[in-house]
Amino acid sequence: MTRSEPTETAPWTGRPLEVRGLTKRFGDVLAVDDLSFEVSPGRVTGFLGPNGAGKTTTLRCLLGLVAPTSGTSTIGGRVYHEIPSPALVVGSALEATGFHPGRSARDHLRVLSRASGVDERRVPVVLDQVGLGGAGERSVGGYSLGMRQRLQLAAALLGDPGVLVLDEPANGLDPEGIAWLRSFLRYLAGEGRTVLVSSHVLSEVEQTVDDVVIISVGRLVRQCPLVELTDHAAHVVVRTPDPGSLRSALTAALPEAAVALTDDGALTVSDARPEQVGHVAHAAGIELHELRAASTDLEEVFLTLTRGDAP
């Protein structure tokens, strides 16, 4: 992976993103409803929510493309239009469109660099960074959707910004491209950049992000480190020839735990550790055939948190 050199005007250290009481109405439609959250430098934050939850509207407010009805969204304490040379501070990729089909990728980035005041020497650097170094002279009209996604990311990186705001960057990428994107985002955050990624590909989010911000119908549902979300959903799976007796013993010994019988005859025990369950079974003289810790994946947690909120 090619590493570009930092400059005085484009520091590698990212800046925090802050959304405070953000509300946006489009006529009678309330797209974002008193939304507040923070995104920290040096971490990849997943911005999640069902279709129509208000994710793209929030990002567009953050980037000065939509004026909020009330509230603020700031980058390093400033709203977007107050940032001098914003391309050197924040790079964004909201959709892989807007390319002239007859223009080469290299020329597309040259046009953008001139418009944003970025040194054109950045063009070959970012093309190499996103894996398009050998395709820079090709017309964008012949690019696949995945290649256009990479070109959009290259455009976001032109100013060597410390903040990246990406909307569905994995859309159109093949499995190899998704794996590349995962490691690339981790690499960027590891250099101190602030990375905010909106995505609906929860399996990839789970392998990529440090923190999650989950919204539904324009409101915040949960903000926390990913590990906190998935660990909270952890549970113990136990199998025994006598599930009724074990369930009674667990309920009596661990009143804070929730014990449920699954369709396949296993017991699931939340808010308990495997050693606690094993100790109760041993004390009660109950034979066990399986005892293991399990965790609920992000998709299941996400659906539980947002169930019933879809517009």
C-alpha atoms as a PDB file:
ATOM      1  CA  MET A   1       0.000   0.000   0.000  1.00  0.00           C
ATOM      2  CA  THR A   2       1.403   3.337  -1.063  1.00  0.00           C
ATOM      3  CA  ARG A   3       1.859   5.871   1.697  1.00  0.00           C
ATOM      4  CA  SER A   4       1.760   9.551   0.827  1.00  0.00           C
ATOM      5  CA  GLU A   5       3.775  12.099   2.736  1.00  0.00           C
ATOM      6  CA  PRO A   6       2.059  14.378   5.250  1.00  0.00           C
ATOM      7  CA  THR A   7       2.102  18.117   4.657  1.00  0.00           C
ATOM      8  CA  GLU A   8       1.780  21.143   6.891  1.00  0.00           C
ATOM      9  CA  THR A   9      -1.555  22.098   5.328  1.00  0.00           C
ATOM     10  CA  ALA A  10      -3.015  18.595   5.514  1.00  0.00           C
ATOM     11  CA  PRO A  11      -2.149  17.091   8.907  1.00  0.00           C
ATOM     12  CA  TRP A  12      -2.587  13.344   9.280  1.00  0.00           C
ATOM     13  CA  THR A  13      -4.259  13.726  12.656  1.00  0.00           C
ATOM     14  CA  GLY A  14      -8.021  13.663  12.293  1.00  0.00           C
ATOM     15  CA  ARG A  15     -10.541  15.932  13.959  1.00  0.00           C
ATOM     16  CA  PRO A  16     -13.655  14.915  15.867  1.00  0.00           C
ATOM     17  CA  LEU A  17     -17.040  15.032  14.195  1.00  0.00           C
ATOM     18  CA  GLU A  18     -19.915  16.240  16.360  1.00  0.00           C
ATOM     19  CA  VAL A  19     -23.635  16.184  15.670  1.00  0.00           C
ATOM     20  CA  ARG A  20     -25.703  18.076  18.228  1.00  0.00           C
ATOM     21  CA  GLY A  21     -29.502  18.190  18.256  1.00  0.00           C
ATOM     22  CA  LEU A  22     -29.576  17.843  14.471  1.00  0.00           C
ATOM     23  CA  THR A  23     -33.063  18.017  12.978  1.00  0.00           C
ATOM     24  CA  LYS A  24     -33.976  18.145   9.302  1.00  0.00           C
ATOM     25  CA  ARG A  25     -37.443  18.405   7.818  1.00  0.00           C
ATOM     26  CA  PHE A  26     -38.360  18.151   4.164  1.00  0.00           C
ATOM     27  CA  GLY A  27     -41.854  19.596   4.205  1.00  0.00           C
ATOM     28  CA  ASP A  28     -43.938  17.258   6.322  1.00  0.00           C
ATOM     29  CA  VAL A  29     -41.220  14.587   6.382  1.00  0.00           C
ATOM     30  CA  LEU A  30     -39.015  14.500   9.487  1.00  0.00           C
ATOM     31  CA  ALA A  31     -35.812  12.953   8.128  1.00  0.00           C
ATOM     32  CA  VAL A  32     -33.558  13.563  11.154  1.00  0.00           C
ATOM     33  CA  ASP A  33     -34.968  14.040  14.650  1.00  0.00           C
ATOM     34  CA  ASP A  34     -32.852  15.743  17.353  1.00  0.00           C
ATOM     35  CA  LEU A  35     -29.851  13.541  16.577  1.00  0.00           C
ATOM     36  CA  SER A  36     -26.616  13.782  18.600  1.00  0.00           C
ATOM     37  CA  PHE A  37     -23.422  11.725  18.428  1.00  0.00           C
ATOM     38  CA  GLU A  38     -19.623  12.051  18.202  1.00  0.00           C
ATOM     39  CA  VAL A  39     -16.982  10.419  16.005  1.00  0.00           C
ATOM     40  CA  SER A  40     -13.420  10.211  17.351  1.00  0.00           C
ATOM     41  CA  PRO A  41     -10.094  10.414  15.476  1.00  0.00           C
ATOM     42  CA  GLY A  42      -8.042   7.267  15.058  1.00  0.00           C
ATOM     43  CA  ARG A  43     -11.109   5.018  14.856  1.00  0.00           C
ATOM     44  CA  VAL A  44     -13.424   3.650  12.203  1.00  0.00           C
ATOM     45  CA  THR A  45     -17.026   4.413  13.121  1.00  0.00           C
ATOM     46  CA  GLY A  46     -19.896   2.588  11.449  1.00  0.00           C
ATOM     47  CA  PHE A  47     -22.989   4.715  10.830  1.00  0.00           C
ATOM     48  CA  LEU A  48     -25.862   2.234  10.663  1.00  0.00           C
ATOM     49  CA  GLY A  49     -29.598   2.301  10.209  1.00  0.00           C
ATOM     50  CA  PRO A  50     -32.398   0.845   8.083  1.00  0.00           C
ATOM     51  CA  ASN A  51     -33.199   2.341   4.683  1.00  0.00           C
ATOM     52  CA  GLY A  52     -34.831   5.710   5.259  1.00  0.00           C
ATOM     53  CA  ALA A  53     -33.328   6.084   8.739  1.00  0.00           C
ATOM     54  CA  GLY A  54     -31.742   9.456   7.893  1.00  0.00           C
ATOM     55  CA  LYS A  55     -28.115   8.406   7.416  1.00  0.00           C
ATOM     56  CA  THR A  56     -27.500  10.100   4.076  1.00  0.00           C
ATOM     57  CA  THR A  57     -29.363  13.245   5.145  1.00  0.00           C
ATOM     58  CA  THR A  58     -27.169  13.447   8.250  1.00  0.00           C
ATOM     59  CA  LEU A  59     -23.998  13.078   6.175  1.00  0.00           C
ATOM     60  CA  ARG A  60     -25.186  15.721   3.722  1.00  0.00           C
ATOM     61  CA  CYS A  61     -25.819  18.110   6.622  1.00  0.00           C
ATOM     62  CA  LEU A  62     -22.343  17.384   7.965  1.00  0.00           C
ATOM     63  CA  LEU A  63     -20.805  18.183   4.574  1.00  0.00           C
ATOM     64  CA  GLY A  64     -22.771  21.403   4.052  1.00  0.00           C
ATOM     65  CA  LEU A  65     -24.878  19.986   1.220  1.00  0.00           C
ATOM     66  CA  VAL A  66     -28.140  20.314   3.141  1.00  0.00           C
ATOM     67  CA  ALA A  67     -29.034  23.036   5.616  1.00  0.00           C
ATOM     68  CA  PRO A  68     -30.390  21.627   8.890  1.00  0.00           C
ATOM     69  CA  THR A  69     -33.725  22.772  10.228  1.00  0.00           C
ATOM     70  CA  SER A  70     -32.090  23.062  13.647  1.00  0.00           C
ATOM     71  CA  GLY A  71     -29.040  21.793  15.500  1.00  0.00           C
ATOM     72  CA  THR A  72     -25.440  21.594  14.321  1.00  0.00           C
ATOM     73  CA  SER A  73     -23.001  19.201  12.691  1.00  0.00           C
ATOM     74  CA  THR A  74     -19.342  20.168  12.909  1.00  0.00           C
ATOM     75  CA  ILE A  75     -15.888  18.966  11.894  1.00  0.00           C
ATOM     76  CA  GLY A  76     -13.218  19.930  14.378  1.00  0.00           C
ATOM     77  CA  GLY A  77     -15.649  22.405  15.927  1.00  0.00           C
ATOM     78  CA  ARG A  78     -16.498  24.156  12.642  1.00  0.00           C
ATOM     79  CA  VAL A  79     -19.386  23.761  10.253  1.00  0.00           C
ATOM     80  CA  TYR A  80     -18.218  22.694   6.802  1.00  0.00           C
ATOM     81  CA  HIS A  81     -18.558  26.059   5.009  1.00  0.00           C
ATOM     82  CA  GLU A  82     -16.366  27.738   7.664  1.00  0.00           C
ATOM     83  CA  ILE A  83     -13.395  25.420   7.048  1.00  0.00           C
ATOM     84  CA  PRO A  84     -10.615  27.020   4.969  1.00  0.00           C
ATOM     85  CA  SER A  85      -9.595  24.702   2.112  1.00  0.00           C
ATOM     86  CA  PRO A  86     -12.024  21.965   3.181  1.00  0.00           C
ATOM     87  CA  ALA A  87     -10.547  19.391   0.764  1.00  0.00           C
ATOM     88  CA  LEU A  88      -7.412  19.402   2.921  1.00  0.00           C
ATOM     89  CA  VAL A  89      -9.459  18.649   6.043  1.00  0.00           C
ATOM     90  CA  VAL A  90     -12.309  16.347   5.055  1.00  0.00           C
ATOM     91  CA  GLY A  91     -12.742  13.973   2.133  1.00  0.00           C
ATOM     92  CA  SER A  92     -16.109  12.508   1.265  1.00  0.00           C
ATOM     93  CA  ALA A  93     -17.626   9.899  -1.024  1.00  0.00           C
ATOM     94  CA  LEU A  94     -21.402   9.904  -0.988  1.00  0.00           C
ATOM     95  CA  GLU A  95     -22.147   8.156  -4.290  1.00  0.00           C
ATOM     96  CA  ALA A  96     -20.125   6.790  -7.201  1.00  0.00           C
ATOM     97  CA  THR A  97     -21.667   9.110  -9.806  1.00  0.00           C
ATOM     98  CA  GLY A  98     -20.839  12.423 -11.455  1.00  0.00           C
ATOM     99  CA  PHE A  99     -18.028  11.093 -13.632  1.00  0.00           C
ATOM    100  CA  HIS A 100     -17.690  12.186 -17.272  1.00  0.00           C
ATOM    101  CA  PRO A 101     -17.781   8.841 -19.135  1.00  0.00           C
ATOM    102  CA  GLY A 102     -15.288   9.969 -21.778  1.00  0.00           C
ATOM    103  CA  ARG A 103     -12.742  11.321 -19.323  1.00  0.00           C
ATOM    104  CA  SER A 104      -9.954   9.194 -17.886  1.00  0.00           C
ATOM    105  CA  ALA A 105      -9.742   8.615 -14.165  1.00  0.00           C
ATOM    106  CA  ARG A 106      -6.476  10.545 -14.068  1.00  0.00           C
ATOM    107  CA  ASP A 107      -8.022  13.558 -15.827  1.00  0.00           C
ATOM    108  CA  HIS A 108     -11.085  13.400 -13.581  1.00  0.00           C
ATOM    109  CA  LEU A 109      -8.867  13.688 -10.520  1.00  0.00           C
ATOM    110  CA  ARG A 110      -6.804  16.461 -12.133  1.00  0.00           C
ATOM    111  CA  VAL A 111      -9.963  18.511 -12.638  1.00  0.00           C
ATOM    112  CA  LEU A 112     -10.943  17.958  -9.016  1.00  0.00           C
ATOM    113  CA  SER A 113      -7.478  18.844  -7.749  1.00  0.00           C
ATOM    114  CA  ARG A 114      -7.481  22.156  -9.628  1.00  0.00           C
ATOM    115  CA  ALA A 115     -10.963  23.004  -8.396  1.00  0.00           C
ATOM    116  CA  SER A 116     -10.063  22.289  -4.764  1.00  0.00           C
ATOM    117  CA  GLY A 117      -6.560  23.772  -4.762  1.00  0.00           C
ATOM    118  CA  VAL A 118      -4.800  20.437  -4.286  1.00  0.00           C
ATOM    119  CA  ASP A 119      -1.360  19.742  -5.788  1.00  0.00           C
ATOM    120  CA  GLU A 120      -1.796  17.608  -8.934  1.00  0.00           C
ATOM    121  CA  ARG A 121       1.078  15.425  -7.787  1.00  0.00           C
ATOM    122  CA  ARG A 122      -1.447  13.822  -5.449  1.00  0.00           C
ATOM    123  CA  VAL A 123      -3.302  12.286  -8.424  1.00  0.00           C
ATOM    124  CA  PRO A 124      -0.975   9.330  -9.114  1.00  0.00           C
ATOM    125  CA  VAL A 125      -0.521   8.804  -5.373  1.00  0.00           C
ATOM    126  CA  VAL A 126      -4.236   8.336  -4.676  1.00  0.00           C
ATOM    127  CA  LEU A 127      -4.737   6.222  -7.809  1.00  0.00           C
ATOM    128  CA  ASP A 128      -2.081   3.853  -6.500  1.00  0.00           C
ATOM    129  CA  GLN A 129      -3.597   3.912  -3.022  1.00  0.00           C
ATOM    130  CA  VAL A 130      -6.974   2.662  -4.262  1.00  0.00           C
ATOM    131  CA  GLY A 131      -5.551   0.116  -6.688  1.00  0.00           C
ATOM    132  CA  LEU A 132      -6.237   2.033  -9.914  1.00  0.00           C
ATOM    133  CA  GLY A 133      -2.660   2.946 -10.778  1.00  0.00           C
ATOM    134  CA  GLY A 134      -2.743   0.737 -13.867  1.00  0.00           C
ATOM    135  CA  ALA A 135      -6.163   1.931 -14.996  1.00  0.00           C
ATOM    136  CA  GLY A 136      -5.750   5.676 -14.609  1.00  0.00           C
ATOM    137  CA  GLU A 137      -5.675   6.369 -18.364  1.00  0.00           C
ATOM    138  CA  ARG A 138      -8.831   4.375 -19.067  1.00  0.00           C
ATOM    139  CA  SER A 139     -12.122   6.181 -19.661  1.00  0.00           C
ATOM    140  CA  VAL A 140     -14.369   6.092 -16.615  1.00  0.00           C
ATOM    141  CA  GLY A 141     -17.255   5.075 -18.884  1.00  0.00           C
ATOM    142  CA  GLY A 142     -15.635   1.634 -19.136  1.00  0.00           C
ATOM    143  CA  TYR A 143     -15.204   1.257 -15.384  1.00  0.00           C
ATOM    144  CA  SER A 144     -17.193  -1.270 -13.378  1.00  0.00           C
ATOM    145  CA  LEU A 145     -19.225  -0.077 -10.382  1.00  0.00           C
ATOM    146  CA  GLY A 146     -16.486  -1.337  -8.080  1.00  0.00           C
ATOM    147  CA  MET A 147     -13.833   0.623  -9.984  1.00  0.00           C
ATOM    148  CA  ARG A 148     -15.973   3.763  -9.808  1.00  0.00           C
ATOM    149  CA  GLN A 149     -16.237   3.237  -6.059  1.00  0.00           C
ATOM    150  CA  ARG A 150     -12.450   3.113  -5.850  1.00  0.00           C
ATOM    151  CA  LEU A 151     -12.199   6.268  -7.971  1.00  0.00           C
ATOM    152  CA  GLN A 152     -14.661   8.024  -5.668  1.00  0.00           C
ATOM    153  CA  LEU A 153     -12.487   7.058  -2.705  1.00  0.00           C
ATOM    154  CA  ALA A 154      -9.406   8.351  -4.558  1.00  0.00           C
ATOM    155  CA  ALA A 155     -11.189  11.673  -5.002  1.00  0.00           C
ATOM    156  CA  ALA A 156     -11.929  11.784  -1.265  1.00  0.00           C
ATOM    157  CA  LEU A 157      -8.225  11.247  -0.538  1.00  0.00           C
ATOM    158  CA  LEU A 158      -6.934  13.916  -2.934  1.00  0.00           C
ATOM    159  CA  GLY A 159      -6.373  16.545  -0.259  1.00  0.00           C
ATOM    160  CA  ASP A 160      -4.739  14.036   2.098  1.00  0.00           C
ATOM    161  CA  PRO A 161      -7.497  14.826   4.641  1.00  0.00           C
ATOM    162  CA  GLY A 162      -7.556  13.827   8.281  1.00  0.00           C
ATOM    163  CA  VAL A 163     -11.316  13.150   8.118  1.00  0.00           C
ATOM    164  CA  LEU A 164     -13.127  10.767   5.766  1.00  0.00           C
ATOM    165  CA  VAL A 165     -16.904  10.525   5.391  1.00  0.00           C
ATOM    166  CA  LEU A 166     -17.954   7.584   3.222  1.00  0.00           C
ATOM    167  CA  ASP A 167     -21.484   6.511   2.288  1.00  0.00           C
ATOM    168  CA  GLU A 168     -21.766   2.809   1.360  1.00  0.00           C
ATOM    169  CA  PRO A 169     -18.154   2.533   0.083  1.00  0.00           C
ATOM    170  CA  ALA A 170     -18.398  -1.263  -0.319  1.00  0.00           C
ATOM    171  CA  ASN A 171     -21.288  -1.033  -2.787  1.00  0.00           C
ATOM    172  CA  GLY A 172     -20.318  -2.769  -6.042  1.00  0.00           C
ATOM    173  CA  LEU A 173     -17.057  -4.211  -4.743  1.00  0.00           C
ATOM    174  CA  ASP A 174     -16.345  -7.909  -5.225  1.00  0.00           C
ATOM    175  CA  PRO A 175     -15.209 -10.028  -2.224  1.00  0.00           C
ATOM    176  CA  GLU A 176     -11.554  -9.212  -2.897  1.00  0.00           C
ATOM    177  CA  GLY A 177     -12.379  -5.518  -3.115  1.00  0.00           C
ATOM    178  CA  ILE A 178     -14.359  -5.623   0.119  1.00  0.00           C
ATOM    179  CA  ALA A 179     -11.446  -7.294   1.894  1.00  0.00           C
ATOM    180  CA  TRP A 180      -9.119  -4.627   0.490  1.00  0.00           C
ATOM    181  CA  LEU A 181     -11.446  -1.846   1.642  1.00  0.00           C
ATOM    182  CA  ARG A 182     -11.627  -3.314   5.130  1.00  0.00           C
ATOM    183  CA  SER A 183      -7.848  -3.288   5.561  1.00  0.00           C
ATOM    184  CA  PHE A 184      -7.517   0.110   3.880  1.00  0.00           C
ATOM    185  CA  LEU A 185      -9.963   1.793   6.249  1.00  0.00           C
ATOM    186  CA  ARG A 186      -8.190   0.224   9.224  1.00  0.00           C
ATOM    187  CA  TYR A 187      -4.891   1.532   7.812  1.00  0.00           C
ATOM    188  CA  LEU A 188      -6.254   5.067   7.452  1.00  0.00           C
ATOM    189  CA  ALA A 189      -7.661   5.120  10.975  1.00  0.00           C
ATOM    190  CA  GLY A 190      -4.395   3.698  12.285  1.00  0.00           C
ATOM    191  CA  GLU A 191      -2.673   6.856  11.063  1.00  0.00           C
ATOM    192  CA  GLY A 192      -4.937   8.975  13.237  1.00  0.00           C
ATOM    193  CA  ARG A 193      -7.612   9.879  10.703  1.00  0.00           C
ATOM    194  CA  THR A 194     -11.288  10.120  11.602  1.00  0.00           C
ATOM    195  CA  VAL A 195     -13.258   7.634   9.490  1.00  0.00           C
ATOM    196  CA  LEU A 196     -17.067   7.619   9.395  1.00  0.00           C
ATOM    197  CA  VAL A 197     -18.589   4.895   7.225  1.00  0.00           C
ATOM    198  CA  SER A 198     -22.264   4.480   6.453  1.00  0.00           C
ATOM    199  CA  SER A 199     -23.093   0.936   5.422  1.00  0.00           C
ATOM    200  CA  HIS A 200     -25.808  -1.689   5.294  1.00  0.00           C
ATOM    201  CA  VAL A 201     -23.366  -4.595   4.831  1.00  0.00           C
ATOM    202  CA  LEU A 202     -23.370  -5.505   8.516  1.00  0.00           C
ATOM    203  CA  SER A 203     -21.104  -8.536   8.173  1.00  0.00           C
ATOM    204  CA  GLU A 204     -18.378  -6.276   6.787  1.00  0.00           C
ATOM    205  CA  VAL A 205     -19.034  -3.544   9.333  1.00  0.00           C
ATOM    206  CA  GLU A 206     -18.535  -6.080  12.094  1.00  0.00           C
ATOM    207  CA  GLN A 207     -15.052  -6.887  10.768  1.00  0.00           C
ATOM    208  CA  THR A 208     -14.049  -3.273  10.135  1.00  0.00           C
ATOM    209  CA  VAL A 209     -15.305  -0.726  12.650  1.00  0.00           C
ATOM    210  CA  ASP A 210     -14.274   0.202  16.175  1.00  0.00           C
ATOM    211  CA  ASP A 211     -17.452   2.066  17.105  1.00  0.00           C
ATOM    212  CA  VAL A 212     -21.062   2.087  15.939  1.00  0.00           C
ATOM    213  CA  VAL A 213     -23.701   4.782  15.730  1.00  0.00           C
ATOM    214  CA  ILE A 214     -27.117   3.235  15.083  1.00  0.00           C
ATOM    215  CA  ILE A 215     -30.082   5.384  14.101  1.00  0.00           C
ATOM    216  CA  SER A 216     -33.670   4.623  13.167  1.00  0.00           C
ATOM    217  CA  VAL A 217     -36.379   6.978  11.864  1.00  0.00           C
ATOM    218  CA  GLY A 218     -33.922   9.828  12.311  1.00  0.00           C
ATOM    219  CA  ARG A 219     -33.231   9.205  15.996  1.00  0.00           C
ATOM    220  CA  LEU A 220     -30.215   7.814  17.817  1.00  0.00           C
ATOM    221  CA  VAL A 221     -30.739   4.233  18.962  1.00  0.00           C
ATOM    222  CA  ARG A 222     -27.265   3.410  20.257  1.00  0.00           C
ATOM    223  CA  GLN A 223     -23.694   4.721  20.201  1.00  0.00           C
ATOM    224  CA  CYS A 224     -20.912   2.615  21.678  1.00  0.00           C
ATOM    225  CA  PRO A 225     -17.762   0.644  20.847  1.00  0.00           C
ATOM    226  CA  LEU A 226     -18.641  -2.379  18.713  1.00  0.00           C
ATOM    227  CA  VAL A 227     -17.228  -4.783  21.295  1.00  0.00           C
ATOM    228  CA  GLU A 228     -19.531  -3.350  23.947  1.00  0.00           C
ATOM    229  CA  LEU A 229     -22.551  -3.915  21.738  1.00  0.00           C
ATOM    230  CA  THR A 230     -21.717  -7.496  20.830  1.00  0.00           C
ATOM    231  CA  ASP A 231     -20.408  -8.463  24.287  1.00  0.00           C
ATOM    232  CA  HIS A 232     -23.630  -7.204  25.825  1.00  0.00           C
ATOM    233  CA  ALA A 233     -25.456  -9.605  23.538  1.00  0.00           C
ATOM    234  CA  ALA A 234     -23.282 -12.569  24.559  1.00  0.00           C
ATOM    235  CA  HIS A 235     -24.925 -15.595  26.096  1.00  0.00           C
ATOM    236  CA  VAL A 236     -24.233 -19.174  27.114  1.00  0.00           C
ATOM    237  CA  VAL A 237     -25.531 -22.186  25.213  1.00  0.00           C
ATOM    238  CA  VAL A 238     -25.952 -25.399  27.219  1.00  0.00           C
ATOM    239  CA  ARG A 239     -27.381 -28.811  26.318  1.00  0.00           C
ATOM    240  CA  THR A 240     -28.494 -31.496  28.742  1.00  0.00           C
ATOM    241  CA  PRO A 241     -30.764 -34.555  28.706  1.00  0.00           C
ATOM    242  CA  ASP A 242     -32.795 -32.825  31.434  1.00  0.00           C
ATOM    243  CA  PRO A 243     -33.334 -29.188  30.331  1.00  0.00           C
ATOM    244  CA  GLY A 244     -36.293 -28.685  32.673  1.00  0.00           C
ATOM    245  CA  SER A 245     -34.297 -29.468  35.800  1.00  0.00           C
ATOM    246  CA  LEU A 246     -31.335 -27.387  34.662  1.00  0.00           C
ATOM    247  CA  ARG A 247     -33.583 -24.450  33.830  1.00  0.00           C
ATOM    248  CA  SER A 248     -35.103 -24.573  37.308  1.00  0.00           C
ATOM    249  CA  ALA A 249     -31.655 -24.821  38.939  1.00  0.00           C
ATOM    250  CA  LEU A 250     -30.287 -21.908  36.909  1.00  0.00           C
ATOM    251  CA  THR A 251     -33.296 -19.713  37.615  1.00  0.00           C
ATOM    252  CA  ALA A 252     -32.935 -20.352  41.348  1.00  0.00           C
ATOM    253  CA  ALA A 253     -29.153 -19.917  41.490  1.00  0.00           C
ATOM    254  CA  LEU A 254     -28.789 -17.055  38.989  1.00  0.00           C
ATOM    255  CA  PRO A 255     -31.879 -14.850  39.369  1.00  0.00           C
ATOM    256  CA  GLU A 256     -30.321 -12.093  37.261  1.00  0.00           C
ATOM    257  CA  ALA A 257     -29.899 -14.430  34.283  1.00  0.00           C
ATOM    258  CA  ALA A 258     -32.562 -15.018  31.623  1.00  0.00           C
ATOM    259  CA  VAL A 259     -32.914 -18.696  30.715  1.00  0.00           C
ATOM    260  CA  ALA A 260     -34.755 -19.731  27.551  1.00  0.00           C
ATOM    261  CA  LEU A 261     -35.366 -23.051  25.783  1.00  0.00           C
ATOM    262  CA  THR A 262     -34.610 -23.011  22.056  1.00  0.00           C
ATOM    263  CA  ASP A 263     -36.470 -24.953  19.372  1.00  0.00           C
ATOM    264  CA  ASP A 264     -33.661 -27.514  19.114  1.00  0.00           C
ATOM    265  CA  GLY A 265     -33.719 -28.312  22.843  1.00  0.00           C
ATOM    266  CA  ALA A 266     -30.759 -26.221  24.011  1.00  0.00           C
ATOM    267  CA  LEU A 267     -30.914 -23.651  26.779  1.00  0.00           C
ATOM    268  CA  THR A 268     -29.615 -20.132  26.280  1.00  0.00           C
ATOM    269  CA  VAL A 269     -28.548 -18.216  29.366  1.00  0.00           C
ATOM    270  CA  SER A 270     -27.957 -14.475  29.162  1.00  0.00           C
ATOM    271  CA  ASP A 271     -26.087 -12.363  31.730  1.00  0.00           C
ATOM    272  CA  ALA A 272     -24.084 -15.369  32.877  1.00  0.00           C
ATOM    273  CA  ARG A 273     -20.680 -16.916  32.219  1.00  0.00           C
ATOM    274  CA  PRO A 274     -20.068 -20.534  31.173  1.00  0.00           C
ATOM    275  CA  GLU A 275     -18.295 -21.316  34.452  1.00  0.00           C
ATOM    276  CA  GLN A 276     -21.315 -20.120  36.430  1.00  0.00           C
ATOM    277  CA  VAL A 277     -23.662 -22.330  34.418  1.00  0.00           C
ATOM    278  CA  GLY A 278     -21.300 -25.285  34.744  1.00  0.00           C
ATOM    279  CA  HIS A 279     -21.053 -24.818  38.504  1.00  0.00           C
ATOM    280  CA  VAL A 280     -24.843 -24.781  38.905  1.00  0.00           C
ATOM    281  CA  ALA A 281     -25.191 -27.925  36.794  1.00  0.00           C
ATOM    282  CA  HIS A 282     -22.458 -29.708  38.767  1.00  0.00           C
ATOM    283  CA  ALA A 283     -23.982 -28.725  42.116  1.00  0.00           C
ATOM    284  CA  ALA A 284     -27.371 -30.026  40.968  1.00  0.00           C
ATOM    285  CA  GLY A 285     -25.888 -33.259  39.601  1.00  0.00           C
ATOM    286  CA  ILE A 286     -27.126 -32.552  36.077  1.00  0.00           C
ATOM    287  CA  GLU A 287     -25.302 -34.102  33.125  1.00  0.00           C
ATOM    288  CA  LEU A 288     -24.194 -31.695  30.392  1.00  0.00           C
ATOM    289  CA  HIS A 289     -23.569 -32.495  26.729  1.00  0.00           C
ATOM    290  CA  GLU A 290     -22.556 -28.997  25.617  1.00  0.00           C
ATOM    291  CA  LEU A 291     -21.506 -25.797  27.343  1.00  0.00           C
ATOM    292  CA  ARG A 292     -20.145 -22.828  25.410  1.00  0.00           C
ATOM    293  CA  ALA A 293     -20.123 -19.069  25.234  1.00  0.00           C
ATOM    294  CA  ALA A 294     -21.848 -17.590  22.202  1.00  0.00           C
ATOM    295  CA  SER A 295     -22.296 -14.074  20.941  1.00  0.00           C
ATOM    296  CA  THR A 296     -25.053 -12.578  18.892  1.00  0.00           C
ATOM    297  CA  ASP A 297     -23.758 -11.136  15.622  1.00  0.00           C
ATOM    298  CA  LEU A 298     -24.138  -7.480  14.735  1.00  0.00           C
ATOM    299  CA  GLU A 299     -26.976  -8.139  12.328  1.00  0.00           C
ATOM    300  CA  GLU A 300     -29.107  -9.752  15.015  1.00  0.00           C
ATOM    301  CA  VAL A 301     -28.359  -6.955  17.500  1.00  0.00           C
ATOM    302  CA  PHE A 302     -29.105  -4.351  14.829  1.00  0.00           C
ATOM    303  CA  LEU A 303     -32.451  -5.918  13.965  1.00  0.00           C
ATOM    304  CA  THR A 304     -33.369  -6.155  17.636  1.00  0.00           C
ATOM    305  CA  LEU A 305     -32.555  -2.480  18.234  1.00  0.00           C
ATOM    306  CA  THR A 306     -34.393  -1.186  15.169  1.00  0.00           C
ATOM    307  CA  ARG A 307     -37.257  -3.687  14.929  1.00  0.00           C
ATOM    308  CA  GLY A 308     -40.570  -1.966  14.369  1.00  0.00           C
ATOM    309  CA  ASP A 309     -38.967   1.391  13.583  1.00  0.00           C
ATOM    310  CA  ALA A 310     -38.729   1.061   9.813  1.00  0.00           C
ATOM    311  CA  PRO A 311     -40.801   3.695   8.042  1.00  0.00           C
END
